[in-house]
C-alpha cells in the first residue's frame, strides 16, 4: 500500500499559481518520517508550517533566522536523505493562464484541477507498481469538492487506473505527514513563481532525486479544453501521461512543464 499526503499552496489572493503538492511512500517509511519529524519539532507549540518558518511569522516570530533555516534544513533532510527518504510530487496550475481558457470558472477551479490531476498521477503510479494508494488531504473549505472529485474518478468506469485508488481521507496539520506535504506544496508554488528568475531553492534541490513538480502550460490547457474541459473526466483521464512533457534546461532539471 502506498500512502500519500497532499496540501495546497498559493499566493494570498490565489491570483498567480496554485499547487497541490505532498509526499508519498510505503507506510513503513511514512511512519519512520513521522517519528523523526515529531522528535525534531517537539518543542514547537503548534504544527509546523513552512511559510511561517521561512518568514519568521507565527510561532517563529521570535526565532533567529539561522534557527529557522536550521530547522527547515533538518526537516528537509528527514525527507530526502538515506534509506528512509520519501517521494515528493506537486501539480502547479498558472491561474491567469487557466482563466484565459476557462474565464467563467469559480475561484477554486484551478486548485481543483490540480487536485484531480494529482489523484490521476497517483493512481497511475500505483497501477504501474501493482499497488493500491491511499490519499490524505488537509481539511478545509474545499474538502467536500475534493472528496467529490475523488469519487468521480474512482467510479469512472472507462478509466482502468481507478482500481488502484484505495480511499481518501482528510486531516489537519496535527498530522505530521500533512506538515511535510505543506513544505512540498510551498516549494512547488515557489519554483513556479521563481522560474526563469532565480535558482531552484535549497529545499527542493535537496529533494531533487525524489521529487517531481509538474507545471501546466498553454498547450496542455488548450488540449484539455479541446477534449471537453476540466470538469470532463473523460478529458482528464484520456490526456496522455506525457502530454507535451519536456524536461527544462539543466539548471531546472527535474522540474517539468506539461
C-alpha atoms as a PDB file:
ATOM      1  CA  UNK A   1       0.000   0.000   0.000  1.00  0.00           C
ATOM      2  CA  UNK A   2       1.260   3.463  -0.921  1.00  0.00           C
ATOM      3  CA  UNK A   3       0.301   6.324   1.388  1.00  0.00           C
ATOM      4  CA  UNK A   4       0.193   9.887   0.060  1.00  0.00           C
ATOM      5  CA  UNK A   5      -0.496  13.224   1.728  1.00  0.00           C
ATOM      6  CA  UNK A   6      -1.267  16.493  -0.039  1.00  0.00           C
ATOM      7  CA  UNK A   7      -1.719  20.158   0.771  1.00  0.00           C
ATOM      8  CA  UNK A   8      -2.203  23.327  -1.250  1.00  0.00           C
ATOM      9  CA  UNK A   9      -0.069  26.432  -1.650  1.00  0.00           C
ATOM     10  CA  UNK A  10      -0.725  29.724  -3.426  1.00  0.00           C
ATOM     11  CA  UNK A  11      -0.345  33.455  -3.032  1.00  0.00           C
ATOM     12  CA  UNK A  12      -2.740  35.136  -0.603  1.00  0.00           C
ATOM     13  CA  UNK A  13      -5.184  36.205  -3.320  1.00  0.00           C
ATOM     14  CA  UNK A  14      -4.871  32.938  -5.274  1.00  0.00           C
ATOM     15  CA  UNK A  15      -4.015  35.027  -8.320  1.00  0.00           C
ATOM     16  CA  UNK A  16      -0.723  33.715  -9.726  1.00  0.00           C
ATOM     17  CA  UNK A  17      -0.191  29.973  -9.206  1.00  0.00           C
ATOM     18  CA  UNK A  18      -1.711  27.222  -7.109  1.00  0.00           C
ATOM     19  CA  UNK A  19      -0.028  23.944  -6.239  1.00  0.00           C
ATOM     20  CA  UNK A  20      -1.339  20.647  -4.924  1.00  0.00           C
ATOM     21  CA  UNK A  21       1.767  19.018  -3.519  1.00  0.00           C
ATOM     22  CA  UNK A  22       2.854  16.464  -0.999  1.00  0.00           C
ATOM     23  CA  UNK A  23       4.633  13.237  -0.153  1.00  0.00           C
ATOM     24  CA  UNK A  24       4.155   9.575  -0.990  1.00  0.00           C
ATOM     25  CA  UNK A  25       5.816   6.371   0.111  1.00  0.00           C
ATOM     26  CA  UNK A  26       5.110   2.975   1.610  1.00  0.00           C
ATOM     27  CA  UNK A  27       3.510   3.013   5.046  1.00  0.00           C
ATOM     28  CA  UNK A  28       6.712   1.944   6.833  1.00  0.00           C
ATOM     29  CA  UNK A  29       8.713   4.907   5.572  1.00  0.00           C
ATOM     30  CA  UNK A  30       5.875   7.334   6.279  1.00  0.00           C
ATOM     31  CA  UNK A  31       5.739   6.052   9.868  1.00  0.00           C
ATOM     32  CA  UNK A  32       9.516   6.441  10.200  1.00  0.00           C
ATOM     33  CA  UNK A  33       9.340  10.010   8.882  1.00  0.00           C
ATOM     34  CA  UNK A  34       6.529  10.752  11.333  1.00  0.00           C
ATOM     35  CA  UNK A  35       8.570   9.576  14.332  1.00  0.00           C
ATOM     36  CA  UNK A  36      11.683  11.513  13.346  1.00  0.00           C
ATOM     37  CA  UNK A  37       9.718  14.661  12.431  1.00  0.00           C
ATOM     38  CA  UNK A  38       7.965  14.554  15.815  1.00  0.00           C
ATOM     39  CA  UNK A  39      11.330  14.420  17.565  1.00  0.00           C
ATOM     40  CA  UNK A  40      12.663  17.370  15.531  1.00  0.00           C
ATOM     41  CA  UNK A  41       9.605  19.568  16.209  1.00  0.00           C
ATOM     42  CA  UNK A  42       8.627  18.505  19.736  1.00  0.00           C
ATOM     43  CA  UNK A  43       9.439  21.944  21.191  1.00  0.00           C
ATOM     44  CA  UNK A  44       7.042  23.753  18.810  1.00  0.00           C
ATOM     45  CA  UNK A  45       3.767  24.986  20.308  1.00  0.00           C
ATOM     46  CA  UNK A  46       1.824  24.413  17.088  1.00  0.00           C
ATOM     47  CA  UNK A  47       2.138  22.240  13.969  1.00  0.00           C
ATOM     48  CA  UNK A  48       4.986  23.195  11.643  1.00  0.00           C
ATOM     49  CA  UNK A  49       4.152  25.416   8.661  1.00  0.00           C
ATOM     50  CA  UNK A  50       6.956  26.085   6.207  1.00  0.00           C
ATOM     51  CA  UNK A  51       5.826  29.604   5.212  1.00  0.00           C
ATOM     52  CA  UNK A  52       5.804  30.704   8.858  1.00  0.00           C
ATOM     53  CA  UNK A  53       9.234  29.208   9.488  1.00  0.00           C
ATOM     54  CA  UNK A  54      10.764  30.806   6.413  1.00  0.00           C
ATOM     55  CA  UNK A  55       9.266  34.244   7.067  1.00  0.00           C
ATOM     56  CA  UNK A  56       9.698  34.153  10.879  1.00  0.00           C
ATOM     57  CA  UNK A  57       5.979  34.586  11.444  1.00  0.00           C
ATOM     58  CA  UNK A  58       3.521  32.985  13.847  1.00  0.00           C
ATOM     59  CA  UNK A  59       5.257  30.771  16.366  1.00  0.00           C
ATOM     60  CA  UNK A  60       8.601  31.588  14.709  1.00  0.00           C
ATOM     61  CA  UNK A  61       8.272  35.364  15.162  1.00  0.00           C
ATOM     62  CA  UNK A  62      10.830  35.399  17.983  1.00  0.00           C
ATOM     63  CA  UNK A  63      13.221  32.945  16.348  1.00  0.00           C
ATOM     64  CA  UNK A  64      16.512  33.965  14.790  1.00  0.00           C
ATOM     65  CA  UNK A  65      16.786  33.464  11.042  1.00  0.00           C
ATOM     66  CA  UNK A  66      19.614  30.970  11.431  1.00  0.00           C
ATOM     67  CA  UNK A  67      17.489  28.850  13.760  1.00  0.00           C
ATOM     68  CA  UNK A  68      14.564  28.842  11.317  1.00  0.00           C
ATOM     69  CA  UNK A  69      16.916  27.874   8.500  1.00  0.00           C
ATOM     70  CA  UNK A  70      18.418  25.103  10.621  1.00  0.00           C
ATOM     71  CA  UNK A  71      15.016  23.603  11.416  1.00  0.00           C
ATOM     72  CA  UNK A  72      13.950  23.757   7.778  1.00  0.00           C
ATOM     73  CA  UNK A  73      17.191  22.079   6.701  1.00  0.00           C
ATOM     74  CA  UNK A  74      16.738  19.349   9.293  1.00  0.00           C
ATOM     75  CA  UNK A  75      13.188  18.576   8.219  1.00  0.00           C
ATOM     76  CA  UNK A  76      14.088  18.520   4.533  1.00  0.00           C
ATOM     77  CA  UNK A  77      16.930  16.167   5.412  1.00  0.00           C
ATOM     78  CA  UNK A  78      14.494  13.795   7.080  1.00  0.00           C
ATOM     79  CA  UNK A  79      12.515  13.672   3.836  1.00  0.00           C
ATOM     80  CA  UNK A  80      15.421  13.455   1.406  1.00  0.00           C
ATOM     81  CA  UNK A  81      18.400  11.683   2.932  1.00  0.00           C
ATOM     82  CA  UNK A  82      19.118   7.974   3.174  1.00  0.00           C
ATOM     83  CA  UNK A  83      17.075   4.803   3.033  1.00  0.00           C
ATOM     84  CA  UNK A  84      14.066   6.376   4.761  1.00  0.00           C
ATOM     85  CA  UNK A  85      13.635   9.185   2.242  1.00  0.00           C
ATOM     86  CA  UNK A  86      10.172   9.755   0.783  1.00  0.00           C
ATOM     87  CA  UNK A  87       8.895  10.777  -2.621  1.00  0.00           C
ATOM     88  CA  UNK A  88       7.521  14.246  -3.340  1.00  0.00           C
ATOM     89  CA  UNK A  89       5.140  15.376  -6.058  1.00  0.00           C
ATOM     90  CA  UNK A  90       3.368  18.576  -6.996  1.00  0.00           C
ATOM     91  CA  UNK A  91       0.997  19.823  -9.692  1.00  0.00           C
ATOM     92  CA  UNK A  92       1.040  23.564 -10.407  1.00  0.00           C
ATOM     93  CA  UNK A  93      -1.634  25.462 -12.342  1.00  0.00           C
ATOM     94  CA  UNK A  94      -0.870  29.014 -13.574  1.00  0.00           C
ATOM     95  CA  UNK A  95      -4.096  30.785 -12.595  1.00  0.00           C
ATOM     96  CA  UNK A  96      -4.191  33.628 -15.167  1.00  0.00           C
ATOM     97  CA  UNK A  97      -3.449  31.131 -17.933  1.00  0.00           C
ATOM     98  CA  UNK A  98      -6.173  28.805 -16.670  1.00  0.00           C
ATOM     99  CA  UNK A  99      -8.690  31.666 -16.601  1.00  0.00           C
ATOM    100  CA  UNK A 100      -7.783  32.671 -20.157  1.00  0.00           C
ATOM    101  CA  UNK A 101      -9.108  29.269 -21.267  1.00  0.00           C
ATOM    102  CA  UNK A 102     -11.930  28.980 -18.752  1.00  0.00           C
ATOM    103  CA  UNK A 103     -12.962  32.581 -17.959  1.00  0.00           C
ATOM    104  CA  UNK A 104     -16.229  31.709 -16.215  1.00  0.00           C
ATOM    105  CA  UNK A 105     -14.686  29.295 -13.737  1.00  0.00           C
ATOM    106  CA  UNK A 106     -15.030  29.663  -9.979  1.00  0.00           C
ATOM    107  CA  UNK A 107     -12.161  30.853  -7.787  1.00  0.00           C
ATOM    108  CA  UNK A 108     -11.263  27.365  -6.595  1.00  0.00           C
ATOM    109  CA  UNK A 109     -11.356  25.761 -10.066  1.00  0.00           C
ATOM    110  CA  UNK A 110      -7.592  25.891 -10.771  1.00  0.00           C
ATOM    111  CA  UNK A 111      -6.863  24.200  -7.445  1.00  0.00           C
ATOM    112  CA  UNK A 112      -9.468  21.520  -8.046  1.00  0.00           C
ATOM    113  CA  UNK A 113      -7.891  20.831 -11.434  1.00  0.00           C
ATOM    114  CA  UNK A 114      -4.531  20.429  -9.685  1.00  0.00           C
ATOM    115  CA  UNK A 115      -6.168  18.027  -7.229  1.00  0.00           C
ATOM    116  CA  UNK A 116      -7.774  15.914  -9.966  1.00  0.00           C
ATOM    117  CA  UNK A 117      -4.531  15.726 -11.899  1.00  0.00           C
ATOM    118  CA  UNK A 118      -2.634  14.757  -8.758  1.00  0.00           C
ATOM    119  CA  UNK A 119      -5.104  11.989  -7.964  1.00  0.00           C
ATOM    120  CA  UNK A 120      -4.786  10.716 -11.539  1.00  0.00           C
ATOM    121  CA  UNK A 121      -0.982  10.684 -11.368  1.00  0.00           C
ATOM    122  CA  UNK A 122      -1.010   8.899  -8.011  1.00  0.00           C
ATOM    123  CA  UNK A 123      -3.359   6.238  -9.404  1.00  0.00           C
ATOM    124  CA  UNK A 124      -1.127   5.789 -12.442  1.00  0.00           C
ATOM    125  CA  UNK A 125       1.956   5.442 -10.248  1.00  0.00           C
ATOM    126  CA  UNK A 126       0.261   2.855  -8.040  1.00  0.00           C
ATOM    127  CA  UNK A 127      -1.033   0.953 -11.068  1.00  0.00           C
ATOM    128  CA  UNK A 128       2.454   0.784 -12.625  1.00  0.00           C
ATOM    129  CA  UNK A 129       3.763  -0.717  -9.390  1.00  0.00           C
ATOM    130  CA  UNK A 130       0.777  -3.048  -8.941  1.00  0.00           C
ATOM    131  CA  UNK A 131      -0.092  -1.304  -5.683  1.00  0.00           C
ATOM    132  CA  UNK A 132      -3.068   0.488  -4.209  1.00  0.00           C
ATOM    133  CA  UNK A 133      -2.841   4.033  -2.920  1.00  0.00           C
ATOM    134  CA  UNK A 134      -4.422   5.906  -0.032  1.00  0.00           C
ATOM    135  CA  UNK A 135      -4.747   9.684  -0.280  1.00  0.00           C
ATOM    136  CA  UNK A 136      -4.932  12.234   2.523  1.00  0.00           C
ATOM    137  CA  UNK A 137      -5.700  15.915   2.027  1.00  0.00           C
ATOM    138  CA  UNK A 138      -5.812  18.682   4.582  1.00  0.00           C
ATOM    139  CA  UNK A 139      -9.226  19.612   5.907  1.00  0.00           C
ATOM    140  CA  UNK A 140     -10.521  22.928   4.624  1.00  0.00           C
ATOM    141  CA  UNK A 141     -13.170  24.803   2.668  1.00  0.00           C
ATOM    142  CA  UNK A 142     -12.683  22.640  -0.439  1.00  0.00           C
ATOM    143  CA  UNK A 143     -12.813  19.305   1.366  1.00  0.00           C
ATOM    144  CA  UNK A 144     -16.246  18.415   0.037  1.00  0.00           C
ATOM    145  CA  UNK A 145     -15.300  19.238  -3.533  1.00  0.00           C
ATOM    146  CA  UNK A 146     -12.055  17.272  -3.261  1.00  0.00           C
ATOM    147  CA  UNK A 147     -13.990  14.263  -1.984  1.00  0.00           C
ATOM    148  CA  UNK A 148     -16.471  14.670  -4.835  1.00  0.00           C
ATOM    149  CA  UNK A 149     -13.638  14.850  -7.376  1.00  0.00           C
ATOM    150  CA  UNK A 150     -12.135  11.672  -5.919  1.00  0.00           C
ATOM    151  CA  UNK A 151     -15.435   9.796  -6.008  1.00  0.00           C
ATOM    152  CA  UNK A 152     -15.984  10.831  -9.603  1.00  0.00           C
ATOM    153  CA  UNK A 153     -12.609   9.457 -10.650  1.00  0.00           C
ATOM    154  CA  UNK A 154     -12.907   6.298  -8.550  1.00  0.00           C
ATOM    155  CA  UNK A 155     -16.198   5.409 -10.215  1.00  0.00           C
ATOM    156  CA  UNK A 156     -15.244   6.466 -13.742  1.00  0.00           C
ATOM    157  CA  UNK A 157     -15.563   3.027 -15.308  1.00  0.00           C
ATOM    158  CA  UNK A 158     -13.721   3.773 -18.548  1.00  0.00           C
ATOM    159  CA  UNK A 159     -10.544   4.672 -16.614  1.00  0.00           C
ATOM    160  CA  UNK A 160      -8.700   1.476 -15.698  1.00  0.00           C
ATOM    161  CA  UNK A 161      -6.260   3.042 -13.197  1.00  0.00           C
ATOM    162  CA  UNK A 162      -9.187   3.872 -10.911  1.00  0.00           C
ATOM    163  CA  UNK A 163      -8.825   0.364  -9.465  1.00  0.00           C
ATOM    164  CA  UNK A 164      -5.588   1.491  -7.778  1.00  0.00           C
ATOM    165  CA  UNK A 165      -7.422   4.089  -5.686  1.00  0.00           C
ATOM    166  CA  UNK A 166      -7.995   2.672  -2.210  1.00  0.00           C
ATOM    167  CA  UNK A 167      -9.534   5.534  -0.217  1.00  0.00           C
ATOM    168  CA  UNK A 168      -9.396   9.251   0.518  1.00  0.00           C
ATOM    169  CA  UNK A 169      -9.260  10.816   3.996  1.00  0.00           C
ATOM    170  CA  UNK A 170      -8.854  14.280   5.485  1.00  0.00           C
ATOM    171  CA  UNK A 171      -6.964  15.571   8.498  1.00  0.00           C
ATOM    172  CA  UNK A 172      -5.469  18.710   9.976  1.00  0.00           C
ATOM    173  CA  UNK A 173      -1.905  19.879  10.441  1.00  0.00           C
ATOM    174  CA  UNK A 174      -1.534  17.894  13.642  1.00  0.00           C
ATOM    175  CA  UNK A 175      -0.898  15.001  11.253  1.00  0.00           C
ATOM    176  CA  UNK A 176       2.821  15.129  10.674  1.00  0.00           C
ATOM    177  CA  UNK A 177       2.739  13.864   7.058  1.00  0.00           C
ATOM    178  CA  UNK A 178       0.491  16.834   6.236  1.00  0.00           C
ATOM    179  CA  UNK A 179       3.167  19.137   7.664  1.00  0.00           C
ATOM    180  CA  UNK A 180       5.626  17.570   5.249  1.00  0.00           C
ATOM    181  CA  UNK A 181       3.060  17.979   2.463  1.00  0.00           C
ATOM    182  CA  UNK A 182       2.798  21.664   3.370  1.00  0.00           C
ATOM    183  CA  UNK A 183       6.535  22.034   2.778  1.00  0.00           C
ATOM    184  CA  UNK A 184       6.425  20.299  -0.622  1.00  0.00           C
ATOM    185  CA  UNK A 185       3.382  22.276  -1.784  1.00  0.00           C
ATOM    186  CA  UNK A 186       5.106  25.535  -0.927  1.00  0.00           C
ATOM    187  CA  UNK A 187       8.231  24.514  -2.827  1.00  0.00           C
ATOM    188  CA  UNK A 188       6.091  23.652  -5.838  1.00  0.00           C
ATOM    189  CA  UNK A 189       4.431  27.059  -5.706  1.00  0.00           C
ATOM    190  CA  UNK A 190       7.746  28.879  -5.245  1.00  0.00           C
ATOM    191  CA  UNK A 191       9.504  27.104  -8.097  1.00  0.00           C
ATOM    192  CA  UNK A 192       6.752  28.265 -10.445  1.00  0.00           C
ATOM    193  CA  UNK A 193       6.993  31.837  -9.157  1.00  0.00           C
ATOM    194  CA  UNK A 194      10.791  31.868  -9.434  1.00  0.00           C
ATOM    195  CA  UNK A 195      11.188  30.003 -12.723  1.00  0.00           C
ATOM    196  CA  UNK A 196      13.495  31.895 -15.054  1.00  0.00           C
ATOM    197  CA  UNK A 197      14.297  34.432 -12.330  1.00  0.00           C
ATOM    198  CA  UNK A 198      16.095  32.604  -9.538  1.00  0.00           C
ATOM    199  CA  UNK A 199      17.829  29.263  -8.966  1.00  0.00           C
ATOM    200  CA  UNK A 200      15.928  26.342  -7.516  1.00  0.00           C
ATOM    201  CA  UNK A 201      15.533  26.811  -3.771  1.00  0.00           C
ATOM    202  CA  UNK A 202      17.628  24.714  -1.384  1.00  0.00           C
ATOM    203  CA  UNK A 203      14.774  22.548  -0.014  1.00  0.00           C
ATOM    204  CA  UNK A 204      13.699  21.423  -3.482  1.00  0.00           C
ATOM    205  CA  UNK A 205      17.313  20.961  -4.568  1.00  0.00           C
ATOM    206  CA  UNK A 206      17.791  18.507  -1.687  1.00  0.00           C
ATOM    207  CA  UNK A 207      14.601  16.667  -2.604  1.00  0.00           C
ATOM    208  CA  UNK A 208      15.727  16.564  -6.233  1.00  0.00           C
ATOM    209  CA  UNK A 209      16.179  12.849  -6.795  1.00  0.00           C
ATOM    210  CA  UNK A 210      12.854  12.001  -5.166  1.00  0.00           C
ATOM    211  CA  UNK A 211      10.663  14.836  -6.444  1.00  0.00           C
ATOM    212  CA  UNK A 212       8.645  15.805  -9.481  1.00  0.00           C
ATOM    213  CA  UNK A 213       6.990  19.185  -9.932  1.00  0.00           C
ATOM    214  CA  UNK A 214       4.615  19.467 -12.897  1.00  0.00           C
ATOM    215  CA  UNK A 215       3.669  22.921 -14.173  1.00  0.00           C
ATOM    216  CA  UNK A 216       0.886  23.131 -16.736  1.00  0.00           C
ATOM    217  CA  UNK A 217       1.384  25.159 -19.914  1.00  0.00           C
ATOM    218  CA  UNK A 218      -0.786  26.764 -22.552  1.00  0.00           C
ATOM    219  CA  UNK A 219      -0.506  23.782 -24.905  1.00  0.00           C
ATOM    220  CA  UNK A 220      -1.901  21.278 -22.430  1.00  0.00           C
ATOM    221  CA  UNK A 221      -4.647  23.580 -21.204  1.00  0.00           C
ATOM    222  CA  UNK A 222      -5.635  24.022 -24.846  1.00  0.00           C
ATOM    223  CA  UNK A 223      -5.719  20.247 -25.310  1.00  0.00           C
ATOM    224  CA  UNK A 224      -7.771  19.870 -22.141  1.00  0.00           C
ATOM    225  CA  UNK A 225     -10.243  22.448 -23.428  1.00  0.00           C
ATOM    226  CA  UNK A 226     -10.441  20.738 -26.815  1.00  0.00           C
ATOM    227  CA  UNK A 227     -11.188  17.387 -25.174  1.00  0.00           C
ATOM    228  CA  UNK A 228     -14.015  18.728 -23.013  1.00  0.00           C
ATOM    229  CA  UNK A 229     -12.586  20.900 -20.243  1.00  0.00           C
ATOM    230  CA  UNK A 230     -11.526  20.413 -16.604  1.00  0.00           C
ATOM    231  CA  UNK A 231     -14.895  19.034 -15.455  1.00  0.00           C
ATOM    232  CA  UNK A 232     -14.833  16.232 -18.023  1.00  0.00           C
ATOM    233  CA  UNK A 233     -13.490  13.029 -16.512  1.00  0.00           C
ATOM    234  CA  UNK A 234     -13.075  11.583 -20.000  1.00  0.00           C
ATOM    235  CA  UNK A 235     -10.906  14.570 -20.928  1.00  0.00           C
ATOM    236  CA  UNK A 236      -8.775  14.374 -17.783  1.00  0.00           C
ATOM    237  CA  UNK A 237      -8.186  10.632 -17.860  1.00  0.00           C
ATOM    238  CA  UNK A 238      -7.603  10.440 -21.616  1.00  0.00           C
ATOM    239  CA  UNK A 239      -4.801  13.010 -21.663  1.00  0.00           C
ATOM    240  CA  UNK A 240      -1.531  11.210 -22.338  1.00  0.00           C
ATOM    241  CA  UNK A 241       0.660  10.895 -19.203  1.00  0.00           C
ATOM    242  CA  UNK A 242       3.381  12.783 -21.090  1.00  0.00           C
ATOM    243  CA  UNK A 243       1.113  15.476 -22.562  1.00  0.00           C
ATOM    244  CA  UNK A 244       3.783  17.664 -24.188  1.00  0.00           C
ATOM    245  CA  UNK A 245       6.123  16.651 -21.348  1.00  0.00           C
ATOM    246  CA  UNK A 246       9.592  18.061 -21.748  1.00  0.00           C
ATOM    247  CA  UNK A 247      12.487  18.482 -19.413  1.00  0.00           C
ATOM    248  CA  UNK A 248      13.500  22.034 -18.748  1.00  0.00           C
ATOM    249  CA  UNK A 249      17.085  23.277 -19.159  1.00  0.00           C
ATOM    250  CA  UNK A 250      19.742  21.745 -16.916  1.00  0.00           C
ATOM    251  CA  UNK A 251      19.516  24.424 -14.211  1.00  0.00           C
ATOM    252  CA  UNK A 252      15.842  23.489 -13.764  1.00  0.00           C
ATOM    253  CA  UNK A 253      16.499  19.764 -14.113  1.00  0.00           C
ATOM    254  CA  UNK A 254      13.749  17.655 -12.566  1.00  0.00           C
ATOM    255  CA  UNK A 255      11.031  20.269 -12.937  1.00  0.00           C
ATOM    256  CA  UNK A 256       8.671  19.661 -15.805  1.00  0.00           C
ATOM    257  CA  UNK A 257       6.069  21.631 -17.664  1.00  0.00           C
ATOM    258  CA  UNK A 258       3.212  19.895 -19.389  1.00  0.00           C
END
